[in-house]
């Protein structure tokens, strides 16, 4: 078991990454917004920002996806899943940090870790 003052936050982030990896292995189909993000990312990589805006008017997430795909040499879909996983891991750790900042002791911080890792909405949206 992790020991230390920030262990619940680390466990929340690592647990979230593991849950996201399990979802990625199942290879879910992108939702409607996801398709637009991926199309805009590919347009950005191919033709630049104007092309991405032509597909999706707020292309910032798509630019991040295209940049990650280029930097790491992976598909835009894998980059999108990786970015989503990192954002969910950061959200999970931040939730526990906020609970701790509100005065939680170590036991309650671990409970917050369990809550965020079991939260239905977060787990339902991992594939998106």
N, C-alpha and C. Protein backbone atom coordinates (compact mmCIF):
# COMPACT_ATOMS: atom_id res chain seq x y z
N UNK A 1 0.84 -1.18 0.00
CA UNK A 1 0.00 0.00 0.00
C UNK A 1 0.88 1.23 0.00
N UNK A 2 0.40 2.27 -0.64
CA UNK A 2 1.16 3.51 -0.68
C UNK A 2 1.22 4.14 0.70
N UNK A 3 2.37 4.68 1.05
CA UNK A 3 2.52 5.37 2.32
C UNK A 3 2.97 6.78 2.04
N UNK A 4 2.53 7.68 2.85
CA UNK A 4 2.92 9.07 2.70
C UNK A 4 1.72 9.99 2.70
N UNK A 5 2.03 11.26 2.79
CA UNK A 5 0.99 12.28 2.92
C UNK A 5 0.12 12.38 1.67
N UNK A 6 0.68 12.27 0.49
CA UNK A 6 -0.06 12.41 -0.77
C UNK A 6 -0.47 11.07 -1.38
N UNK A 7 -0.37 10.02 -0.64
CA UNK A 7 -0.70 8.69 -1.16
C UNK A 7 -2.12 8.58 -1.71
N UNK A 8 -3.14 9.12 -1.05
CA UNK A 8 -4.49 9.01 -1.63
C UNK A 8 -4.60 9.69 -2.99
N UNK A 9 -3.96 10.85 -3.15
CA UNK A 9 -4.00 11.54 -4.44
C UNK A 9 -3.30 10.71 -5.52
N UNK A 10 -2.15 10.15 -5.17
CA UNK A 10 -1.41 9.32 -6.11
C UNK A 10 -2.22 8.08 -6.47
N UNK A 11 -2.82 7.46 -5.48
CA UNK A 11 -3.65 6.27 -5.72
C UNK A 11 -4.84 6.61 -6.60
N UNK A 12 -5.46 7.77 -6.39
CA UNK A 12 -6.59 8.18 -7.22
C UNK A 12 -6.15 8.36 -8.67
N UNK A 13 -5.02 9.00 -8.88
CA UNK A 13 -4.53 9.21 -10.24
C UNK A 13 -4.16 7.89 -10.91
N UNK A 14 -3.41 7.05 -10.19
CA UNK A 14 -3.01 5.76 -10.77
C UNK A 14 -4.21 4.85 -11.01
N UNK A 15 -5.14 4.82 -10.06
CA UNK A 15 -6.35 4.02 -10.24
C UNK A 15 -7.15 4.49 -11.44
N UNK A 16 -7.24 5.80 -11.61
CA UNK A 16 -7.95 6.35 -12.76
C UNK A 16 -7.27 5.96 -14.07
N UNK A 17 -5.94 6.02 -14.11
CA UNK A 17 -5.22 5.62 -15.31
C UNK A 17 -5.44 4.14 -15.63
N UNK A 18 -5.47 3.31 -14.61
CA UNK A 18 -5.71 1.88 -14.82
C UNK A 18 -7.12 1.65 -15.37
N UNK A 19 -8.11 2.32 -14.79
CA UNK A 19 -9.48 2.19 -15.29
C UNK A 19 -9.58 2.68 -16.74
N UNK A 20 -8.92 3.77 -17.07
CA UNK A 20 -8.93 4.27 -18.44
C UNK A 20 -8.25 3.29 -19.40
N UNK A 21 -7.18 2.66 -18.95
CA UNK A 21 -6.49 1.68 -19.80
C UNK A 21 -7.40 0.48 -20.07
N UNK A 22 -8.14 0.06 -19.06
CA UNK A 22 -9.07 -1.05 -19.26
C UNK A 22 -10.15 -0.70 -20.28
N UNK A 23 -10.61 0.54 -20.25
CA UNK A 23 -11.61 0.98 -21.23
C UNK A 23 -10.98 1.03 -22.61
N UNK A 24 -9.76 1.53 -22.72
CA UNK A 24 -9.08 1.64 -24.02
C UNK A 24 -8.88 0.27 -24.66
N UNK A 25 -8.60 -0.74 -23.85
CA UNK A 25 -8.40 -2.10 -24.37
C UNK A 25 -9.67 -2.61 -25.05
N UNK A 26 -10.82 -2.19 -24.55
CA UNK A 26 -12.10 -2.61 -25.15
C UNK A 26 -12.35 -1.94 -26.49
N UNK A 27 -11.60 -0.89 -26.79
CA UNK A 27 -11.69 -0.15 -28.05
C UNK A 27 -13.10 0.34 -28.36
N UNK A 28 -13.67 1.16 -27.49
CA UNK A 28 -15.02 1.67 -27.76
C UNK A 28 -15.04 2.61 -28.96
N UNK A 29 -16.18 2.68 -29.61
CA UNK A 29 -16.33 3.61 -30.72
C UNK A 29 -16.46 5.04 -30.18
N UNK A 30 -15.91 6.01 -30.91
CA UNK A 30 -16.04 7.40 -30.46
C UNK A 30 -17.51 7.85 -30.53
N UNK A 31 -17.89 8.75 -29.63
CA UNK A 31 -19.23 9.31 -29.69
C UNK A 31 -19.26 10.39 -30.77
N UNK A 32 -20.42 11.03 -30.96
CA UNK A 32 -20.57 12.04 -32.02
C UNK A 32 -19.55 13.16 -31.90
N UNK A 33 -19.40 13.72 -30.69
CA UNK A 33 -18.41 14.79 -30.50
C UNK A 33 -17.00 14.28 -30.76
N UNK A 34 -16.73 13.06 -30.30
CA UNK A 34 -15.42 12.47 -30.50
C UNK A 34 -15.04 12.36 -31.97
N UNK A 35 -16.00 12.02 -32.80
CA UNK A 35 -15.73 11.93 -34.24
C UNK A 35 -15.31 13.29 -34.77
N UNK A 36 -16.02 14.34 -34.36
CA UNK A 36 -15.65 15.69 -34.80
C UNK A 36 -14.27 16.09 -34.29
N UNK A 37 -13.96 15.76 -33.04
CA UNK A 37 -12.63 16.07 -32.50
C UNK A 37 -11.54 15.38 -33.32
N UNK A 38 -11.77 14.11 -33.65
CA UNK A 38 -10.76 13.38 -34.41
C UNK A 38 -10.64 13.90 -35.83
N UNK A 39 -11.76 14.20 -36.48
CA UNK A 39 -11.71 14.77 -37.83
C UNK A 39 -11.00 16.12 -37.83
N UNK A 40 -11.31 16.95 -36.84
CA UNK A 40 -10.66 18.26 -36.75
C UNK A 40 -9.17 18.11 -36.44
N UNK A 41 -8.81 17.12 -35.62
CA UNK A 41 -7.39 16.88 -35.32
C UNK A 41 -6.64 16.48 -36.59
N UNK A 42 -7.25 15.59 -37.37
CA UNK A 42 -6.60 15.17 -38.61
C UNK A 42 -6.51 16.32 -39.61
N UNK A 43 -7.56 17.16 -39.67
CA UNK A 43 -7.52 18.33 -40.55
C UNK A 43 -6.44 19.31 -40.11
N UNK A 44 -6.30 19.51 -38.79
CA UNK A 44 -5.26 20.39 -38.27
C UNK A 44 -3.87 19.86 -38.64
N UNK A 45 -3.66 18.58 -38.46
CA UNK A 45 -2.35 17.98 -38.76
C UNK A 45 -2.03 18.09 -40.25
N UNK A 46 -3.05 18.00 -41.08
CA UNK A 46 -2.86 18.01 -42.52
C UNK A 46 -2.81 19.43 -43.10
N UNK A 47 -3.76 20.31 -42.66
CA UNK A 47 -3.94 21.59 -43.33
C UNK A 47 -3.91 22.82 -42.42
N UNK A 48 -3.76 22.62 -41.11
CA UNK A 48 -3.65 23.76 -40.22
C UNK A 48 -4.93 24.13 -39.49
N UNK A 49 -4.85 25.21 -38.74
CA UNK A 49 -5.91 25.62 -37.84
C UNK A 49 -7.21 25.98 -38.58
N UNK A 50 -7.10 26.66 -39.70
CA UNK A 50 -8.31 27.06 -40.43
C UNK A 50 -9.11 25.84 -40.85
N UNK A 51 -8.44 24.79 -41.28
CA UNK A 51 -9.13 23.57 -41.68
C UNK A 51 -9.82 22.92 -40.48
N UNK A 52 -9.16 22.94 -39.34
CA UNK A 52 -9.76 22.36 -38.14
C UNK A 52 -10.99 23.15 -37.71
N UNK A 53 -10.92 24.46 -37.78
CA UNK A 53 -12.05 25.31 -37.43
C UNK A 53 -13.22 25.07 -38.38
N UNK A 54 -12.94 24.75 -39.63
CA UNK A 54 -13.98 24.44 -40.60
C UNK A 54 -14.78 23.20 -40.23
N UNK A 55 -14.17 22.30 -39.47
CA UNK A 55 -14.85 21.07 -39.06
C UNK A 55 -15.49 21.24 -37.69
N UNK A 56 -14.77 21.88 -36.79
CA UNK A 56 -15.28 22.07 -35.42
C UNK A 56 -14.87 23.46 -34.97
N UNK A 57 -15.82 24.33 -34.61
CA UNK A 57 -15.50 25.74 -34.35
C UNK A 57 -14.62 26.01 -33.13
N UNK A 58 -14.49 25.06 -32.22
CA UNK A 58 -13.62 25.21 -31.05
C UNK A 58 -12.57 24.10 -31.10
N UNK A 59 -11.53 24.26 -31.91
CA UNK A 59 -10.62 23.15 -32.20
C UNK A 59 -9.49 22.95 -31.20
N UNK A 60 -9.56 23.56 -30.03
CA UNK A 60 -8.41 23.52 -29.12
C UNK A 60 -8.10 22.10 -28.65
N UNK A 61 -9.13 21.34 -28.33
CA UNK A 61 -8.91 19.94 -27.93
C UNK A 61 -8.36 19.14 -29.11
N UNK A 62 -8.87 19.42 -30.28
CA UNK A 62 -8.40 18.72 -31.49
C UNK A 62 -6.93 19.05 -31.78
N UNK A 63 -6.55 20.30 -31.55
CA UNK A 63 -5.14 20.70 -31.74
C UNK A 63 -4.26 19.94 -30.75
N UNK A 64 -4.71 19.82 -29.51
CA UNK A 64 -3.97 19.06 -28.51
C UNK A 64 -3.84 17.59 -28.93
N UNK A 65 -4.92 17.03 -29.44
CA UNK A 65 -4.90 15.63 -29.91
C UNK A 65 -3.91 15.48 -31.05
N UNK A 66 -3.99 16.35 -32.04
CA UNK A 66 -3.08 16.26 -33.19
C UNK A 66 -1.63 16.43 -32.78
N UNK A 67 -1.38 17.35 -31.87
CA UNK A 67 -0.01 17.58 -31.39
C UNK A 67 0.52 16.36 -30.67
N UNK A 68 -0.28 15.78 -29.78
CA UNK A 68 0.14 14.58 -29.06
C UNK A 68 0.38 13.42 -30.02
N UNK A 69 -0.50 13.27 -31.01
CA UNK A 69 -0.35 12.18 -31.99
C UNK A 69 0.96 12.34 -32.76
N UNK A 70 1.29 13.57 -33.13
CA UNK A 70 2.52 13.83 -33.87
C UNK A 70 3.75 13.62 -32.99
N UNK A 71 3.73 14.16 -31.80
CA UNK A 71 4.88 14.07 -30.90
C UNK A 71 5.19 12.62 -30.53
N UNK A 72 4.14 11.84 -30.24
CA UNK A 72 4.35 10.47 -29.79
C UNK A 72 4.26 9.43 -30.91
N UNK A 73 3.94 9.87 -32.12
CA UNK A 73 3.87 8.95 -33.26
C UNK A 73 2.76 7.91 -33.12
N UNK A 74 1.62 8.34 -32.63
CA UNK A 74 0.48 7.43 -32.44
C UNK A 74 -0.72 7.96 -33.22
N UNK A 75 -1.76 7.16 -33.28
CA UNK A 75 -2.97 7.58 -33.98
C UNK A 75 -3.67 8.69 -33.20
N UNK A 76 -4.50 9.44 -33.90
CA UNK A 76 -5.25 10.50 -33.21
C UNK A 76 -6.20 9.89 -32.18
N UNK A 77 -6.74 8.73 -32.48
CA UNK A 77 -7.64 8.08 -31.51
C UNK A 77 -6.90 7.70 -30.24
N UNK A 78 -5.71 7.13 -30.38
CA UNK A 78 -4.92 6.77 -29.20
C UNK A 78 -4.52 8.02 -28.42
N UNK A 79 -4.17 9.09 -29.13
CA UNK A 79 -3.81 10.34 -28.48
C UNK A 79 -5.00 10.91 -27.71
N UNK A 80 -6.18 10.85 -28.31
CA UNK A 80 -7.38 11.35 -27.63
C UNK A 80 -7.67 10.55 -26.37
N UNK A 81 -7.54 9.24 -26.44
CA UNK A 81 -7.75 8.41 -25.25
C UNK A 81 -6.71 8.72 -24.18
N UNK A 82 -5.46 8.90 -24.59
CA UNK A 82 -4.40 9.22 -23.64
C UNK A 82 -4.62 10.56 -22.96
N UNK A 83 -5.01 11.56 -23.73
CA UNK A 83 -5.28 12.88 -23.15
C UNK A 83 -6.46 12.80 -22.19
N UNK A 84 -7.51 12.11 -22.61
CA UNK A 84 -8.67 11.94 -21.73
C UNK A 84 -8.30 11.24 -20.44
N UNK A 85 -7.46 10.21 -20.55
CA UNK A 85 -7.02 9.47 -19.36
C UNK A 85 -6.23 10.37 -18.42
N UNK A 86 -5.34 11.19 -18.98
CA UNK A 86 -4.55 12.10 -18.14
C UNK A 86 -5.43 13.14 -17.47
N UNK A 87 -6.41 13.69 -18.20
CA UNK A 87 -7.32 14.67 -17.60
C UNK A 87 -8.16 14.04 -16.49
N UNK A 88 -8.64 12.82 -16.69
CA UNK A 88 -9.42 12.14 -15.65
C UNK A 88 -8.55 11.81 -14.44
N UNK A 89 -7.30 11.43 -14.68
CA UNK A 89 -6.39 11.15 -13.56
C UNK A 89 -6.14 12.43 -12.76
N UNK A 90 -5.92 13.53 -13.47
CA UNK A 90 -5.70 14.81 -12.78
C UNK A 90 -6.96 15.23 -12.01
N UNK A 91 -8.12 15.01 -12.60
CA UNK A 91 -9.38 15.34 -11.92
C UNK A 91 -9.55 14.51 -10.66
N UNK A 92 -9.23 13.23 -10.76
CA UNK A 92 -9.36 12.33 -9.60
C UNK A 92 -8.43 12.77 -8.47
N UNK A 93 -7.19 13.05 -8.80
CA UNK A 93 -6.23 13.51 -7.78
C UNK A 93 -6.66 14.86 -7.21
N UNK A 94 -7.17 15.73 -8.06
CA UNK A 94 -7.61 17.05 -7.59
C UNK A 94 -8.80 16.93 -6.64
N UNK A 95 -9.71 16.01 -6.94
CA UNK A 95 -10.86 15.81 -6.05
C UNK A 95 -10.38 15.44 -4.65
N UNK A 96 -9.45 14.50 -4.58
CA UNK A 96 -8.93 14.07 -3.28
C UNK A 96 -8.18 15.23 -2.61
N UNK A 97 -7.43 16.00 -3.39
CA UNK A 97 -6.70 17.15 -2.82
C UNK A 97 -7.67 18.20 -2.27
N UNK A 98 -8.79 18.41 -2.93
CA UNK A 98 -9.78 19.36 -2.44
C UNK A 98 -10.40 18.86 -1.14
N UNK A 99 -10.73 17.57 -1.10
CA UNK A 99 -11.28 16.99 0.13
C UNK A 99 -10.29 17.17 1.27
N UNK A 100 -9.01 16.94 0.99
CA UNK A 100 -7.98 17.11 2.02
C UNK A 100 -7.85 18.58 2.42
N UNK A 101 -7.94 19.49 1.44
CA UNK A 101 -7.83 20.93 1.74
C UNK A 101 -9.00 21.41 2.60
N UNK A 102 -10.12 20.73 2.52
CA UNK A 102 -11.28 21.09 3.34
C UNK A 102 -11.18 20.53 4.75
N UNK A 103 -10.06 19.87 5.05
CA UNK A 103 -9.81 19.44 6.42
C UNK A 103 -9.89 17.94 6.66
N UNK A 104 -9.94 17.15 5.61
CA UNK A 104 -10.05 15.70 5.78
C UNK A 104 -8.77 15.11 6.37
N UNK A 105 -8.93 14.12 7.22
CA UNK A 105 -7.77 13.37 7.70
C UNK A 105 -7.43 12.30 6.67
N UNK A 106 -6.41 11.50 6.97
CA UNK A 106 -5.93 10.48 6.02
C UNK A 106 -7.02 9.45 5.70
N UNK A 107 -7.78 9.04 6.70
CA UNK A 107 -8.84 8.05 6.48
C UNK A 107 -9.90 8.58 5.53
N UNK A 108 -10.30 9.82 5.71
CA UNK A 108 -11.31 10.42 4.84
C UNK A 108 -10.75 10.67 3.44
N UNK A 109 -9.47 10.98 3.34
CA UNK A 109 -8.84 11.14 2.02
C UNK A 109 -8.88 9.82 1.25
N UNK A 110 -8.65 8.70 1.95
CA UNK A 110 -8.74 7.40 1.29
C UNK A 110 -10.18 7.09 0.87
N UNK A 111 -11.13 7.51 1.68
CA UNK A 111 -12.53 7.33 1.31
C UNK A 111 -12.85 8.16 0.06
N UNK A 112 -12.33 9.37 -0.01
CA UNK A 112 -12.52 10.22 -1.19
C UNK A 112 -11.91 9.56 -2.42
N UNK A 113 -10.77 8.90 -2.25
CA UNK A 113 -10.15 8.16 -3.35
C UNK A 113 -11.09 7.08 -3.86
N UNK A 114 -11.67 6.32 -2.94
CA UNK A 114 -12.61 5.26 -3.34
C UNK A 114 -13.83 5.84 -4.04
N UNK A 115 -14.33 6.96 -3.53
CA UNK A 115 -15.52 7.59 -4.13
C UNK A 115 -15.23 8.03 -5.56
N UNK A 116 -14.11 8.71 -5.77
CA UNK A 116 -13.83 9.23 -7.12
C UNK A 116 -13.55 8.09 -8.09
N UNK A 117 -12.93 7.02 -7.64
CA UNK A 117 -12.65 5.90 -8.54
C UNK A 117 -13.90 5.08 -8.86
N UNK A 118 -14.90 5.15 -7.99
CA UNK A 118 -16.15 4.41 -8.21
C UNK A 118 -17.27 5.29 -8.74
N UNK A 119 -16.99 6.55 -8.96
CA UNK A 119 -18.05 7.48 -9.36
C UNK A 119 -18.64 7.06 -10.72
N UNK A 120 -19.95 6.84 -10.77
CA UNK A 120 -20.57 6.33 -11.99
C UNK A 120 -20.39 7.23 -13.22
N UNK A 121 -20.56 8.53 -13.05
CA UNK A 121 -20.45 9.42 -14.21
C UNK A 121 -19.04 9.41 -14.78
N UNK A 122 -18.04 9.50 -13.91
CA UNK A 122 -16.65 9.49 -14.40
C UNK A 122 -16.34 8.18 -15.13
N UNK A 123 -16.80 7.07 -14.59
CA UNK A 123 -16.51 5.79 -15.22
C UNK A 123 -17.32 5.59 -16.50
N UNK A 124 -18.50 6.13 -16.55
CA UNK A 124 -19.33 6.00 -17.75
C UNK A 124 -18.75 6.84 -18.89
N UNK A 125 -18.11 7.95 -18.58
CA UNK A 125 -17.59 8.84 -19.61
C UNK A 125 -16.14 8.56 -20.01
N UNK A 126 -15.50 7.61 -19.39
CA UNK A 126 -14.10 7.29 -19.75
C UNK A 126 -13.96 6.94 -21.22
N UNK A 127 -14.91 6.24 -21.76
CA UNK A 127 -14.83 5.82 -23.16
C UNK A 127 -15.07 6.96 -24.14
N UNK A 128 -15.60 8.07 -23.66
CA UNK A 128 -15.92 9.17 -24.56
C UNK A 128 -14.69 9.99 -24.88
